[in-house]
C-alpha atoms as a PDB file:
ATOM      1  CA  UNK A   1      24.474 -15.088  16.616  1.00  0.00           C
ATOM      2  CA  UNK A   2      21.441 -14.893  18.827  1.00  0.00           C
ATOM      3  CA  UNK A   3      18.076 -15.243  17.195  1.00  0.00           C
ATOM      4  CA  UNK A   4      15.659 -12.365  17.584  1.00  0.00           C
ATOM      5  CA  UNK A   5      13.049 -12.768  20.264  1.00  0.00           C
ATOM      6  CA  UNK A   6       9.379 -12.036  19.625  1.00  0.00           C
ATOM      7  CA  UNK A   7       8.953 -14.366  16.693  1.00  0.00           C
ATOM      8  CA  UNK A   8       5.269 -14.852  17.440  1.00  0.00           C
ATOM      9  CA  UNK A   9       4.702 -11.094  17.684  1.00  0.00           C
ATOM     10  CA  UNK A  10       6.356 -10.535  14.335  1.00  0.00           C
ATOM     11  CA  UNK A  11       4.259 -13.285  12.768  1.00  0.00           C
ATOM     12  CA  UNK A  12       1.020 -11.857  14.170  1.00  0.00           C
ATOM     13  CA  UNK A  13       2.002  -8.362  13.039  1.00  0.00           C
ATOM     14  CA  UNK A  14       2.765  -9.605   9.569  1.00  0.00           C
ATOM     15  CA  UNK A  15      -0.539 -11.496   9.398  1.00  0.00           C
ATOM     16  CA  UNK A  16      -2.468  -8.399  10.516  1.00  0.00           C
ATOM     17  CA  UNK A  17      -0.765  -6.290   7.845  1.00  0.00           C
ATOM     18  CA  UNK A  18      -1.592  -8.853   5.163  1.00  0.00           C
ATOM     19  CA  UNK A  19      -5.238  -9.068   6.269  1.00  0.00           C
ATOM     20  CA  UNK A  20      -5.609  -5.271   6.394  1.00  0.00           C
ATOM     21  CA  UNK A  21      -3.958  -5.005   2.969  1.00  0.00           C
ATOM     22  CA  UNK A  22      -6.349  -7.565   1.498  1.00  0.00           C
ATOM     23  CA  UNK A  23      -9.341  -5.761   3.021  1.00  0.00           C
ATOM     24  CA  UNK A  24      -8.210  -2.436   1.569  1.00  0.00           C
ATOM     25  CA  UNK A  25      -7.671  -4.135  -1.795  1.00  0.00           C
ATOM     26  CA  UNK A  26     -11.178  -5.614  -1.726  1.00  0.00           C
ATOM     27  CA  UNK A  27     -12.751  -2.284  -0.727  1.00  0.00           C
ATOM     28  CA  UNK A  28     -10.866  -0.558  -3.550  1.00  0.00           C
ATOM     29  CA  UNK A  29     -11.983  -3.117  -6.113  1.00  0.00           C
ATOM     30  CA  UNK A  30     -15.547  -2.860  -4.827  1.00  0.00           C
ATOM     31  CA  UNK A  31     -15.438   0.928  -5.136  1.00  0.00           C
ATOM     32  CA  UNK A  32     -14.224   0.672  -8.729  1.00  0.00           C
ATOM     33  CA  UNK A  33     -16.983  -1.839  -9.504  1.00  0.00           C
ATOM     34  CA  UNK A  34     -19.656   0.272  -7.773  1.00  0.00           C
ATOM     35  CA  UNK A  35     -18.643   3.556  -9.423  1.00  0.00           C
ATOM     36  CA  UNK A  36     -17.439   2.136 -12.739  1.00  0.00           C
ATOM     37  CA  UNK A  37     -19.014   4.766 -15.061  1.00  0.00           C
ATOM     38  CA  UNK A  38     -17.501   7.652 -13.099  1.00  0.00           C
ATOM     39  CA  UNK A  39     -14.166   5.824 -12.818  1.00  0.00           C
ATOM     40  CA  UNK A  40     -14.094   5.247 -16.580  1.00  0.00           C
ATOM     41  CA  UNK A  41     -14.673   8.960 -17.258  1.00  0.00           C
ATOM     42  CA  UNK A  42     -11.861   9.960 -14.883  1.00  0.00           C
ATOM     43  CA  UNK A  43      -9.550   7.312 -16.362  1.00  0.00           C
ATOM     44  CA  UNK A  44     -10.218   8.532 -19.900  1.00  0.00           C
ATOM     45  CA  UNK A  45      -9.496  12.078 -18.790  1.00  0.00           C
ATOM     46  CA  UNK A  46      -6.191  11.066 -17.215  1.00  0.00           C
ATOM     47  CA  UNK A  47      -4.855   9.239 -20.285  1.00  0.00           C
ATOM     48  CA  UNK A  48      -3.755  12.500 -21.935  1.00  0.00           C
ATOM     49  CA  UNK A  49      -2.115  13.775 -18.760  1.00  0.00           C
ATOM     50  CA  UNK A  50      -0.318  10.464 -18.328  1.00  0.00           C
ATOM     51  CA  UNK A  51       1.017  10.631 -21.885  1.00  0.00           C
ATOM     52  CA  UNK A  52       2.222  14.206 -21.308  1.00  0.00           C
ATOM     53  CA  UNK A  53       4.184  13.130 -18.229  1.00  0.00           C
ATOM     54  CA  UNK A  54       5.637  10.091 -20.005  1.00  0.00           C
ATOM     55  CA  UNK A  55       6.695  12.356 -22.869  1.00  0.00           C
ATOM     56  CA  UNK A  56       8.335  14.789 -20.445  1.00  0.00           C
ATOM     57  CA  UNK A  57      10.233  11.957 -18.792  1.00  0.00           C
ATOM     58  CA  UNK A  58      11.449  10.666 -22.172  1.00  0.00           C
ATOM     59  CA  UNK A  59      12.551  14.164 -23.183  1.00  0.00           C
ATOM     60  CA  UNK A  60      14.367  14.626 -19.848  1.00  0.00           C
ATOM     61  CA  UNK A  61      16.158  11.303 -20.271  1.00  0.00           C
ATOM     62  CA  UNK A  62      17.179  12.235 -23.818  1.00  0.00           C
ATOM     63  CA  UNK A  63      18.245  15.716 -22.725  1.00  0.00           C
ATOM     64  CA  UNK A  64      20.514  14.446 -19.951  1.00  0.00           C
ATOM     65  CA  UNK A  65      21.937  11.550 -21.943  1.00  0.00           C
END
């Protein structure tokens, strides 16, 4: 079997994706840190909605079982 050509291009592309992903991760963490009080209020408000959806999923699984 022939090896794929463009090994360097794939490596550079992969490195760029990893760097961009890390930058987005850092910006996201910085945004959470910067707007922590507002984030906490939104998170508290979403806990009930999250539990409703989890309950619906459990009911659906039990219903179809």
